[in-house]
């Protein structure tokens, strides 16, 4: 075995360890999620995407924007704070029961009506193309335009998190 093989270095073409981004100077966004489906009498099947890592620009003291707010019955633009270019936007329907006891069927049925609709401005018929988020659900992605949000019943709590590029 050569000295090069014993030291663990790799010769030849391709990236070397020194060419990887320096984790001290580069921000990193990592998403790890699990998605399972199980039908009665069957084993659960894993449909999880692989963990994705997106390297962001060099650290410049950028901060993540988080806002806890309400959506009403009319569409309004989602506030993205001071961030113009985002690497990830997370929208969570945080509507929940205000009860400390086990909810009744009627309370659960009422809660299920607080669905959030998210639309993308710029499409010809954007109101017909919507993402629906039931209470407790969330979505993430990257938008290159204005996002509109609306609640199907009254006022609904949600949280928007915007991670800068």
C-alpha atoms as a PDB file:
ATOM      1  CA  UNK A   1       0.000   0.000   0.000  1.00  0.00           C
ATOM      2  CA  UNK A   2       1.423   3.418  -0.917  1.00  0.00           C
ATOM      3  CA  UNK A   3       1.790   6.320   1.508  1.00  0.00           C
ATOM      4  CA  UNK A   4      -0.986   8.103  -0.371  1.00  0.00           C
ATOM      5  CA  UNK A   5      -3.407   5.188   0.111  1.00  0.00           C
ATOM      6  CA  UNK A   6      -2.531   4.882   3.806  1.00  0.00           C
ATOM      7  CA  UNK A   7      -3.165   8.596   4.448  1.00  0.00           C
ATOM      8  CA  UNK A   8      -6.644   8.329   2.950  1.00  0.00           C
ATOM      9  CA  UNK A   9      -6.130  10.989   0.286  1.00  0.00           C
ATOM     10  CA  UNK A  10      -7.585  10.401  -3.146  1.00  0.00           C
ATOM     11  CA  UNK A  11      -5.633  11.145  -6.280  1.00  0.00           C
ATOM     12  CA  UNK A  12      -7.013  11.776  -9.729  1.00  0.00           C
ATOM     13  CA  UNK A  13      -9.711  14.044 -11.051  1.00  0.00           C
ATOM     14  CA  UNK A  14     -12.756  15.183  -9.129  1.00  0.00           C
ATOM     15  CA  UNK A  15     -13.378  17.288  -6.056  1.00  0.00           C
ATOM     16  CA  UNK A  16     -11.052  17.063  -3.110  1.00  0.00           C
ATOM     17  CA  UNK A  17     -11.816  17.662   0.537  1.00  0.00           C
ATOM     18  CA  UNK A  18     -10.253  21.108   0.388  1.00  0.00           C
ATOM     19  CA  UNK A  19     -12.674  22.173  -2.374  1.00  0.00           C
ATOM     20  CA  UNK A  20     -15.783  21.675  -0.229  1.00  0.00           C
ATOM     21  CA  UNK A  21     -17.372  24.784   1.268  1.00  0.00           C
ATOM     22  CA  UNK A  22     -15.969  25.797   4.625  1.00  0.00           C
ATOM     23  CA  UNK A  23     -18.870  25.182   7.085  1.00  0.00           C
ATOM     24  CA  UNK A  24     -17.638  28.030   9.282  1.00  0.00           C
ATOM     25  CA  UNK A  25     -18.101  30.614   6.519  1.00  0.00           C
ATOM     26  CA  UNK A  26     -21.048  29.150   4.586  1.00  0.00           C
ATOM     27  CA  UNK A  27     -24.600  28.992   5.915  1.00  0.00           C
ATOM     28  CA  UNK A  28     -26.302  25.653   5.328  1.00  0.00           C
ATOM     29  CA  UNK A  29     -29.968  24.709   5.084  1.00  0.00           C
ATOM     30  CA  UNK A  30     -30.747  21.065   5.863  1.00  0.00           C
ATOM     31  CA  UNK A  31     -34.228  19.562   5.539  1.00  0.00           C
ATOM     32  CA  UNK A  32     -34.901  16.113   6.965  1.00  0.00           C
ATOM     33  CA  UNK A  33     -38.441  14.851   6.727  1.00  0.00           C
ATOM     34  CA  UNK A  34     -40.164  11.487   6.790  1.00  0.00           C
ATOM     35  CA  UNK A  35     -43.313  10.564   4.881  1.00  0.00           C
ATOM     36  CA  UNK A  36     -44.986   7.193   5.510  1.00  0.00           C
ATOM     37  CA  UNK A  37     -48.191   5.669   4.139  1.00  0.00           C
ATOM     38  CA  UNK A  38     -49.803   2.626   5.750  1.00  0.00           C
ATOM     39  CA  UNK A  39     -52.990   1.014   4.526  1.00  0.00           C
ATOM     40  CA  UNK A  40     -55.024  -1.308   6.798  1.00  0.00           C
ATOM     41  CA  UNK A  41     -53.389  -4.718   7.090  1.00  0.00           C
ATOM     42  CA  UNK A  42     -50.192  -3.645   5.300  1.00  0.00           C
ATOM     43  CA  UNK A  43     -46.725  -2.535   6.313  1.00  0.00           C
ATOM     44  CA  UNK A  44     -45.981   1.188   6.291  1.00  0.00           C
ATOM     45  CA  UNK A  45     -44.228   2.320   3.125  1.00  0.00           C
ATOM     46  CA  UNK A  46     -41.615   5.074   3.257  1.00  0.00           C
ATOM     47  CA  UNK A  47     -41.938   7.771   0.582  1.00  0.00           C
ATOM     48  CA  UNK A  48     -39.457  10.131   2.231  1.00  0.00           C
ATOM     49  CA  UNK A  49     -37.294  12.324   0.041  1.00  0.00           C
ATOM     50  CA  UNK A  50     -33.592  12.186   0.649  1.00  0.00           C
ATOM     51  CA  UNK A  51     -32.149  14.753   3.008  1.00  0.00           C
ATOM     52  CA  UNK A  52     -31.279  17.828   1.009  1.00  0.00           C
ATOM     53  CA  UNK A  53     -28.573  20.300   1.819  1.00  0.00           C
ATOM     54  CA  UNK A  54     -28.482  23.660   0.112  1.00  0.00           C
ATOM     55  CA  UNK A  55     -25.412  25.775   0.595  1.00  0.00           C
ATOM     56  CA  UNK A  56     -26.294  29.409   0.986  1.00  0.00           C
ATOM     57  CA  UNK A  57     -24.066  32.410   0.405  1.00  0.00           C
ATOM     58  CA  UNK A  58     -21.221  33.187   2.727  1.00  0.00           C
ATOM     59  CA  UNK A  59     -22.389  34.191   6.171  1.00  0.00           C
ATOM     60  CA  UNK A  60     -23.111  37.906   6.417  1.00  0.00           C
ATOM     61  CA  UNK A  61     -25.036  37.953   9.676  1.00  0.00           C
ATOM     62  CA  UNK A  62     -28.356  37.458   7.836  1.00  0.00           C
ATOM     63  CA  UNK A  63     -31.192  36.476  10.113  1.00  0.00           C
ATOM     64  CA  UNK A  64     -34.165  34.199   9.590  1.00  0.00           C
ATOM     65  CA  UNK A  65     -37.498  36.062   9.522  1.00  0.00           C
ATOM     66  CA  UNK A  66     -40.249  34.442  11.642  1.00  0.00           C
ATOM     67  CA  UNK A  67     -43.712  35.919  12.033  1.00  0.00           C
ATOM     68  CA  UNK A  68     -46.694  34.530  13.954  1.00  0.00           C
ATOM     69  CA  UNK A  69     -49.859  36.142  12.600  1.00  0.00           C
ATOM     70  CA  UNK A  70     -53.413  35.562  11.356  1.00  0.00           C
ATOM     71  CA  UNK A  71     -54.999  34.963   7.968  1.00  0.00           C
ATOM     72  CA  UNK A  72     -58.486  36.321   7.372  1.00  0.00           C
ATOM     73  CA  UNK A  73     -61.292  35.466   4.974  1.00  0.00           C
ATOM     74  CA  UNK A  74     -59.900  37.707   2.221  1.00  0.00           C
ATOM     75  CA  UNK A  75     -56.624  37.089   0.424  1.00  0.00           C
ATOM     76  CA  UNK A  76     -53.629  39.161   1.538  1.00  0.00           C
ATOM     77  CA  UNK A  77     -49.927  39.081   0.681  1.00  0.00           C
ATOM     78  CA  UNK A  78     -47.720  37.083   3.043  1.00  0.00           C
ATOM     79  CA  UNK A  79     -45.265  39.378   4.823  1.00  0.00           C
ATOM     80  CA  UNK A  80     -41.697  38.245   4.029  1.00  0.00           C
ATOM     81  CA  UNK A  81     -40.090  40.903   6.225  1.00  0.00           C
ATOM     82  CA  UNK A  82     -36.850  42.427   5.033  1.00  0.00           C
ATOM     83  CA  UNK A  83     -35.837  39.373   2.960  1.00  0.00           C
ATOM     84  CA  UNK A  84     -35.951  39.943  -0.796  1.00  0.00           C
ATOM     85  CA  UNK A  85     -34.375  36.657  -1.973  1.00  0.00           C
ATOM     86  CA  UNK A  86     -35.197  33.566   0.068  1.00  0.00           C
ATOM     87  CA  UNK A  87     -33.733  30.091  -0.043  1.00  0.00           C
ATOM     88  CA  UNK A  88     -36.735  28.577   1.758  1.00  0.00           C
ATOM     89  CA  UNK A  89     -40.181  29.716   2.893  1.00  0.00           C
ATOM     90  CA  UNK A  90     -42.081  27.656   5.455  1.00  0.00           C
ATOM     91  CA  UNK A  91     -45.783  28.288   6.095  1.00  0.00           C
ATOM     92  CA  UNK A  92     -47.429  26.485   9.038  1.00  0.00           C
ATOM     93  CA  UNK A  93     -51.127  26.426   9.914  1.00  0.00           C
ATOM     94  CA  UNK A  94     -50.844  26.765  13.700  1.00  0.00           C
ATOM     95  CA  UNK A  95     -54.584  26.990  14.421  1.00  0.00           C
ATOM     96  CA  UNK A  96     -55.426  24.776  17.407  1.00  0.00           C
ATOM     97  CA  UNK A  97     -58.063  24.257  20.051  1.00  0.00           C
ATOM     98  CA  UNK A  98     -57.849  26.505  23.079  1.00  0.00           C
ATOM     99  CA  UNK A  99     -58.959  23.646  25.291  1.00  0.00           C
ATOM    100  CA  UNK A 100     -56.938  21.642  27.819  1.00  0.00           C
ATOM    101  CA  UNK A 101     -59.390  18.737  27.737  1.00  0.00           C
ATOM    102  CA  UNK A 102     -59.994  16.013  25.165  1.00  0.00           C
ATOM    103  CA  UNK A 103     -61.927  17.727  22.348  1.00  0.00           C
ATOM    104  CA  UNK A 104     -65.424  16.656  21.404  1.00  0.00           C
ATOM    105  CA  UNK A 105     -66.322  15.532  17.882  1.00  0.00           C
ATOM    106  CA  UNK A 106     -67.982  18.920  17.320  1.00  0.00           C
ATOM    107  CA  UNK A 107     -64.822  20.790  18.392  1.00  0.00           C
ATOM    108  CA  UNK A 108     -62.664  18.667  16.080  1.00  0.00           C
ATOM    109  CA  UNK A 109     -65.083  19.228  13.193  1.00  0.00           C
ATOM    110  CA  UNK A 110     -64.994  22.980  13.836  1.00  0.00           C
ATOM    111  CA  UNK A 111     -61.177  23.015  13.934  1.00  0.00           C
ATOM    112  CA  UNK A 112     -60.989  21.128  10.617  1.00  0.00           C
ATOM    113  CA  UNK A 113     -62.744  24.048   8.907  1.00  0.00           C
ATOM    114  CA  UNK A 114     -59.762  26.384   9.527  1.00  0.00           C
ATOM    115  CA  UNK A 115     -57.982  25.571   6.283  1.00  0.00           C
ATOM    116  CA  UNK A 116     -55.382  27.987   4.933  1.00  0.00           C
ATOM    117  CA  UNK A 117     -55.175  28.631   1.195  1.00  0.00           C
ATOM    118  CA  UNK A 118     -51.881  29.782  -0.327  1.00  0.00           C
ATOM    119  CA  UNK A 119     -51.853  31.199  -3.876  1.00  0.00           C
ATOM    120  CA  UNK A 120     -49.101  32.448  -6.143  1.00  0.00           C
ATOM    121  CA  UNK A 121     -49.571  35.897  -7.698  1.00  0.00           C
ATOM    122  CA  UNK A 122     -48.636  36.201 -11.335  1.00  0.00           C
ATOM    123  CA  UNK A 123     -50.606  33.309 -12.701  1.00  0.00           C
ATOM    124  CA  UNK A 124     -53.604  34.120 -14.853  1.00  0.00           C
ATOM    125  CA  UNK A 125     -56.077  32.286 -12.621  1.00  0.00           C
ATOM    126  CA  UNK A 126     -54.101  32.122  -9.394  1.00  0.00           C
ATOM    127  CA  UNK A 127     -57.179  31.834  -7.186  1.00  0.00           C
ATOM    128  CA  UNK A 128     -57.965  28.455  -8.774  1.00  0.00           C
ATOM    129  CA  UNK A 129     -54.438  27.140  -8.119  1.00  0.00           C
ATOM    130  CA  UNK A 130     -54.037  26.818  -4.364  1.00  0.00           C
ATOM    131  CA  UNK A 131     -52.121  24.897  -1.726  1.00  0.00           C
ATOM    132  CA  UNK A 132     -54.380  23.862   1.163  1.00  0.00           C
ATOM    133  CA  UNK A 133     -53.052  23.552   4.716  1.00  0.00           C
ATOM    134  CA  UNK A 134     -55.266  21.969   7.364  1.00  0.00           C
ATOM    135  CA  UNK A 135     -54.587  22.794  11.032  1.00  0.00           C
ATOM    136  CA  UNK A 136     -51.182  21.423  12.002  1.00  0.00           C
ATOM    137  CA  UNK A 137     -49.953  21.082   8.409  1.00  0.00           C
ATOM    138  CA  UNK A 138     -47.131  23.003   6.789  1.00  0.00           C
ATOM    139  CA  UNK A 139     -45.503  23.531   3.419  1.00  0.00           C
ATOM    140  CA  UNK A 140     -42.108  24.678   2.316  1.00  0.00           C
ATOM    141  CA  UNK A 141     -40.623  25.862  -0.914  1.00  0.00           C
ATOM    142  CA  UNK A 142     -38.983  28.734  -2.704  1.00  0.00           C
ATOM    143  CA  UNK A 143     -41.088  31.470  -4.217  1.00  0.00           C
ATOM    144  CA  UNK A 144     -40.072  33.958  -6.864  1.00  0.00           C
ATOM    145  CA  UNK A 145     -43.097  36.143  -6.424  1.00  0.00           C
ATOM    146  CA  UNK A 146     -45.807  37.305  -4.084  1.00  0.00           C
ATOM    147  CA  UNK A 147     -47.701  34.691  -2.095  1.00  0.00           C
ATOM    148  CA  UNK A 148     -51.298  35.298  -1.013  1.00  0.00           C
ATOM    149  CA  UNK A 149     -52.881  33.672   2.017  1.00  0.00           C
ATOM    150  CA  UNK A 150     -56.485  33.275   3.155  1.00  0.00           C
ATOM    151  CA  UNK A 151     -58.429  31.317   5.772  1.00  0.00           C
ATOM    152  CA  UNK A 152     -61.552  29.413   4.794  1.00  0.00           C
ATOM    153  CA  UNK A 153     -63.342  30.326   8.051  1.00  0.00           C
ATOM    154  CA  UNK A 154     -62.848  33.521  10.041  1.00  0.00           C
ATOM    155  CA  UNK A 155     -59.342  34.144  11.378  1.00  0.00           C
ATOM    156  CA  UNK A 156     -56.711  31.430  11.443  1.00  0.00           C
ATOM    157  CA  UNK A 157     -53.290  31.446  13.117  1.00  0.00           C
ATOM    158  CA  UNK A 158     -50.230  30.725  11.004  1.00  0.00           C
ATOM    159  CA  UNK A 159     -46.473  31.128  11.124  1.00  0.00           C
ATOM    160  CA  UNK A 160     -44.279  32.121   8.209  1.00  0.00           C
ATOM    161  CA  UNK A 161     -40.531  31.488   8.338  1.00  0.00           C
ATOM    162  CA  UNK A 162     -38.323  32.975   5.623  1.00  0.00           C
ATOM    163  CA  UNK A 163     -34.709  31.848   5.351  1.00  0.00           C
ATOM    164  CA  UNK A 164     -32.506  34.267   3.410  1.00  0.00           C
ATOM    165  CA  UNK A 165     -30.505  33.196   0.388  1.00  0.00           C
END
